[in-house]
Every structure is written in structure tokens, then in C-alpha cells.
Amino acid sequence: MMKEKTIKGLRTCIYKVSDMNEAKKWYSRAFETEPYFEESFYIGYNIGGYELGLQPEDPVEKQKGESVIAYWGVDNIEKEFNRLRELGAIDHEKPMNVGGEVMVASVEDPWGNIIGLIYNPEFKAE
């Protein structure tokens, strides 16, 4: 009998932003969906069954780092990478093959957050 896993997998990815109203507009266009939850302290989106959250950043927030990058699944990495750039994101990591058919890329949003993109035909969410 297998023991039940106690860590269930990724549920939420939060991006800190200095302007919640502008970020709501940008993320709604970038992820092509409207938030399901909206308060001054949190804006939540359902992206393919996963939570994308926006929170206001503290004006004295530490510099944003690159130690963790959340990668959002896409079907066409070049198309999505270019679409996000057209919305004002800047290049962080141009699309590249990382083995087999797996491709990754990342952009920086207007608030300095890194948004990863991944095309991985082998990965299946549970």
C-alpha cells in the first residue's frame, strides 16, 4: 500500500506589483482571462486550474530575484513569448530547447517579475 503524498503539487504563483490596477489590466491581457477574485490586497486568476495571484508590493520590498521561476505551460512557445513582448514584457530568456521537444523561455513583466513559459508535451498534470 502506497503512502498518500502530503505535498499535492503547485497551487498558486504570486507576483508582487506596485500598481494593482495596471497589473490587473496587463495580466488579464497576458493570460487572456479575467480575475475570479479581486480585492485591494489580492487579485486571483484561475489559469488552467492553477492560481495566479497579484499582491501589492511593499515600497521597500527587496530586489526581486531569479532563484525561483514559475513556468506556465503553452502550446506554441515562440508565439506566446512574442505576444507577451508585444504587451510590454521584456526578454529574460529567449526560447530554447532544453532536451527532447521541451522548450522554455521567460520574460520580465512591467513590475520586474519573471514569467516563465514552457512547452513540454511529456508533462501531464495530475
C-alpha atoms as a PDB file:
ATOM      1  CA  MET A   1       0.000   0.000   0.000  1.00  0.00           C
ATOM      2  CA  MET A   2       1.447   3.354  -1.077  1.00  0.00           C
ATOM      3  CA  LYS A   3       1.534   6.184   1.393  1.00  0.00           C
ATOM      4  CA  GLU A   4      -0.553   9.194   0.346  1.00  0.00           C
ATOM      5  CA  LYS A   5       1.572  12.113  -0.821  1.00  0.00           C
ATOM      6  CA  THR A   6       1.483  15.031   1.577  1.00  0.00           C
ATOM      7  CA  ILE A   7       2.635  17.629  -0.968  1.00  0.00           C
ATOM      8  CA  LYS A   8      -0.060  17.856  -3.604  1.00  0.00           C
ATOM      9  CA  GLY A   9       1.730  19.969  -6.220  1.00  0.00           C
ATOM     10  CA  LEU A  10       1.768  23.584  -7.288  1.00  0.00           C
ATOM     11  CA  ARG A  11      -1.374  25.517  -6.428  1.00  0.00           C
ATOM     12  CA  THR A  12      -0.523  29.231  -6.536  1.00  0.00           C
ATOM     13  CA  CYS A  13       2.068  31.507  -8.098  1.00  0.00           C
ATOM     14  CA  ILE A  14       2.094  35.077  -6.747  1.00  0.00           C
ATOM     15  CA  TYR A  15       3.558  38.135  -8.430  1.00  0.00           C
ATOM     16  CA  LYS A  16       4.129  41.328  -6.421  1.00  0.00           C
ATOM     17  CA  VAL A  17       3.260  44.560  -8.233  1.00  0.00           C
ATOM     18  CA  SER A  18       3.400  48.268  -7.398  1.00  0.00           C
ATOM     19  CA  ASP A  19       0.158  49.161  -9.222  1.00  0.00           C
ATOM     20  CA  MET A  20      -2.645  46.649  -8.751  1.00  0.00           C
ATOM     21  CA  ASN A  21      -4.988  48.320 -11.256  1.00  0.00           C
ATOM     22  CA  GLU A  22      -2.427  48.436 -14.064  1.00  0.00           C
ATOM     23  CA  ALA A  23      -1.226  44.930 -13.226  1.00  0.00           C
ATOM     24  CA  LYS A  24      -4.805  43.628 -13.376  1.00  0.00           C
ATOM     25  CA  LYS A  25      -5.182  45.060 -16.884  1.00  0.00           C
ATOM     26  CA  TRP A  26      -1.808  43.712 -18.009  1.00  0.00           C
ATOM     27  CA  TYR A  27      -2.220  40.209 -16.561  1.00  0.00           C
ATOM     28  CA  SER A  28      -5.794  39.941 -17.859  1.00  0.00           C
ATOM     29  CA  ARG A  29      -4.463  40.595 -21.363  1.00  0.00           C
ATOM     30  CA  ALA A  30      -1.316  38.493 -20.922  1.00  0.00           C
ATOM     31  CA  PHE A  31      -3.174  35.415 -19.643  1.00  0.00           C
ATOM     32  CA  GLU A  32      -6.315  36.109 -21.686  1.00  0.00           C
ATOM     33  CA  THR A  33      -8.661  35.779 -18.720  1.00  0.00           C
ATOM     34  CA  GLU A  34     -10.358  37.962 -16.125  1.00  0.00           C
ATOM     35  CA  PRO A  35      -9.772  37.559 -12.380  1.00  0.00           C
ATOM     36  CA  TYR A  36     -12.249  35.483 -10.394  1.00  0.00           C
ATOM     37  CA  PHE A  37     -11.338  37.317  -7.157  1.00  0.00           C
ATOM     38  CA  GLU A  38     -10.478  40.966  -6.680  1.00  0.00           C
ATOM     39  CA  GLU A  39      -9.738  42.909  -3.510  1.00  0.00           C
ATOM     40  CA  SER A  40      -7.208  45.638  -2.725  1.00  0.00           C
ATOM     41  CA  PHE A  41      -4.882  43.062  -1.133  1.00  0.00           C
ATOM     42  CA  TYR A  42      -5.174  40.284  -3.737  1.00  0.00           C
ATOM     43  CA  ILE A  43      -6.285  39.638  -7.304  1.00  0.00           C
ATOM     44  CA  GLY A  44      -6.702  35.974  -8.238  1.00  0.00           C
ATOM     45  CA  TYR A  45      -6.872  34.260 -11.614  1.00  0.00           C
ATOM     46  CA  ASN A  46      -7.627  30.647 -12.473  1.00  0.00           C
ATOM     47  CA  ILE A  47      -5.132  29.655 -15.157  1.00  0.00           C
ATOM     48  CA  GLY A  48      -5.798  26.115 -16.302  1.00  0.00           C
ATOM     49  CA  GLY A  49      -6.705  25.014 -12.787  1.00  0.00           C
ATOM     50  CA  TYR A  50      -3.771  26.802 -11.123  1.00  0.00           C
ATOM     51  CA  GLU A  51      -3.840  30.065  -9.197  1.00  0.00           C
ATOM     52  CA  LEU A  52      -2.045  33.172 -10.416  1.00  0.00           C
ATOM     53  CA  GLY A  53      -2.176  35.849  -7.744  1.00  0.00           C
ATOM     54  CA  LEU A  54      -1.251  39.512  -7.696  1.00  0.00           C
ATOM     55  CA  GLN A  55      -0.374  41.223  -4.441  1.00  0.00           C
ATOM     56  CA  PRO A  56       0.707  44.798  -3.763  1.00  0.00           C
ATOM     57  CA  GLU A  57       4.406  45.041  -3.106  1.00  0.00           C
ATOM     58  CA  ASP A  58       5.790  46.918  -0.181  1.00  0.00           C
ATOM     59  CA  PRO A  59       7.542  50.092  -1.403  1.00  0.00           C
ATOM     60  CA  VAL A  60      10.662  48.970   0.471  1.00  0.00           C
ATOM     61  CA  GLU A  61      10.467  45.452  -0.988  1.00  0.00           C
ATOM     62  CA  LYS A  62      13.763  43.701  -1.523  1.00  0.00           C
ATOM     63  CA  GLN A  63      15.063  43.428  -5.061  1.00  0.00           C
ATOM     64  CA  LYS A  64      13.247  40.683  -6.942  1.00  0.00           C
ATOM     65  CA  GLY A  65      15.399  37.668  -7.517  1.00  0.00           C
ATOM     66  CA  GLU A  66      15.688  34.875 -10.006  1.00  0.00           C
ATOM     67  CA  SER A  67      16.053  31.988  -7.581  1.00  0.00           C
ATOM     68  CA  VAL A  68      12.584  30.650  -8.472  1.00  0.00           C
ATOM     69  CA  ILE A  69      10.814  30.895 -11.817  1.00  0.00           C
ATOM     70  CA  ALA A  70       7.310  29.517 -12.333  1.00  0.00           C
ATOM     71  CA  TYR A  71       6.828  28.181 -15.865  1.00  0.00           C
ATOM     72  CA  TRP A  72       3.332  28.361 -17.380  1.00  0.00           C
ATOM     73  CA  GLY A  73       2.505  25.711 -19.981  1.00  0.00           C
ATOM     74  CA  VAL A  74       1.946  26.808 -23.573  1.00  0.00           C
ATOM     75  CA  ASP A  75       1.336  25.068 -26.896  1.00  0.00           C
ATOM     76  CA  ASN A  76       3.446  27.442 -29.004  1.00  0.00           C
ATOM     77  CA  ILE A  77       6.329  28.995 -27.090  1.00  0.00           C
ATOM     78  CA  GLU A  78       7.529  31.352 -29.836  1.00  0.00           C
ATOM     79  CA  LYS A  79       4.020  32.760 -30.347  1.00  0.00           C
ATOM     80  CA  GLU A  80       3.376  33.317 -26.612  1.00  0.00           C
ATOM     81  CA  PHE A  81       6.855  34.739 -25.994  1.00  0.00           C
ATOM     82  CA  ASN A  82       6.339  37.274 -28.791  1.00  0.00           C
ATOM     83  CA  ARG A  83       2.760  38.072 -27.691  1.00  0.00           C
ATOM     84  CA  LEU A  84       3.913  38.908 -24.146  1.00  0.00           C
ATOM     85  CA  ARG A  85       6.696  41.091 -25.567  1.00  0.00           C
ATOM     86  CA  GLU A  86       4.075  42.950 -27.627  1.00  0.00           C
ATOM     87  CA  LEU A  87       2.216  43.639 -24.355  1.00  0.00           C
ATOM     88  CA  GLY A  88       5.317  45.297 -22.895  1.00  0.00           C
ATOM     89  CA  ALA A  89       7.241  42.424 -21.322  1.00  0.00           C
ATOM     90  CA  ILE A  90      10.976  42.354 -21.956  1.00  0.00           C
ATOM     91  CA  ASP A  91      13.183  39.398 -22.795  1.00  0.00           C
ATOM     92  CA  HIS A  92      14.574  37.473 -19.881  1.00  0.00           C
ATOM     93  CA  GLU A  93      15.427  34.206 -21.620  1.00  0.00           C
ATOM     94  CA  LYS A  94      14.698  33.691 -25.314  1.00  0.00           C
ATOM     95  CA  PRO A  95      13.020  30.412 -26.307  1.00  0.00           C
ATOM     96  CA  MET A  96      15.428  27.497 -26.244  1.00  0.00           C
ATOM     97  CA  ASN A  97      15.350  23.735 -26.423  1.00  0.00           C
ATOM     98  CA  VAL A  98      16.328  22.086 -23.138  1.00  0.00           C
ATOM     99  CA  GLY A  99      16.119  18.482 -24.323  1.00  0.00           C
ATOM    100  CA  GLY A 100      13.842  16.392 -26.498  1.00  0.00           C
ATOM    101  CA  GLU A 101      10.881  18.523 -27.531  1.00  0.00           C
ATOM    102  CA  VAL A 102      10.890  20.598 -24.326  1.00  0.00           C
ATOM    103  CA  MET A 103      11.260  24.349 -24.851  1.00  0.00           C
ATOM    104  CA  VAL A 104      11.496  27.108 -22.226  1.00  0.00           C
ATOM    105  CA  ALA A 105      11.531  30.897 -22.313  1.00  0.00           C
ATOM    106  CA  SER A 106      10.906  33.732 -19.890  1.00  0.00           C
ATOM    107  CA  VAL A 107      10.011  37.407 -19.895  1.00  0.00           C
ATOM    108  CA  GLU A 108      10.021  40.164 -17.316  1.00  0.00           C
ATOM    109  CA  ASP A 109       6.695  41.885 -16.695  1.00  0.00           C
ATOM    110  CA  PRO A 110       6.442  45.690 -16.278  1.00  0.00           C
ATOM    111  CA  TRP A 111       6.952  45.254 -12.484  1.00  0.00           C
ATOM    112  CA  GLY A 112      10.153  43.204 -12.715  1.00  0.00           C
ATOM    113  CA  ASN A 113       8.567  39.765 -12.155  1.00  0.00           C
ATOM    114  CA  ILE A 114       9.825  36.882 -14.244  1.00  0.00           C
ATOM    115  CA  ILE A 115       7.173  34.857 -16.073  1.00  0.00           C
ATOM    116  CA  GLY A 116       8.363  31.508 -17.374  1.00  0.00           C
ATOM    117  CA  LEU A 117       6.860  29.708 -20.367  1.00  0.00           C
ATOM    118  CA  ILE A 118       7.286  26.022 -21.111  1.00  0.00           C
ATOM    119  CA  TYR A 119       6.274  23.708 -23.914  1.00  0.00           C
ATOM    120  CA  ASN A 120       6.547  20.159 -22.600  1.00  0.00           C
ATOM    121  CA  PRO A 121       4.488  17.536 -24.451  1.00  0.00           C
ATOM    122  CA  GLU A 122       5.626  14.855 -21.962  1.00  0.00           C
ATOM    123  CA  PHE A 123       4.245  16.504 -18.800  1.00  0.00           C
ATOM    124  CA  LYS A 124       0.733  15.592 -17.678  1.00  0.00           C
ATOM    125  CA  ALA A 125      -0.809  17.345 -14.662  1.00  0.00           C
ATOM    126  CA  GLU A 126      -2.377  15.042 -12.057  1.00  0.00           C
END
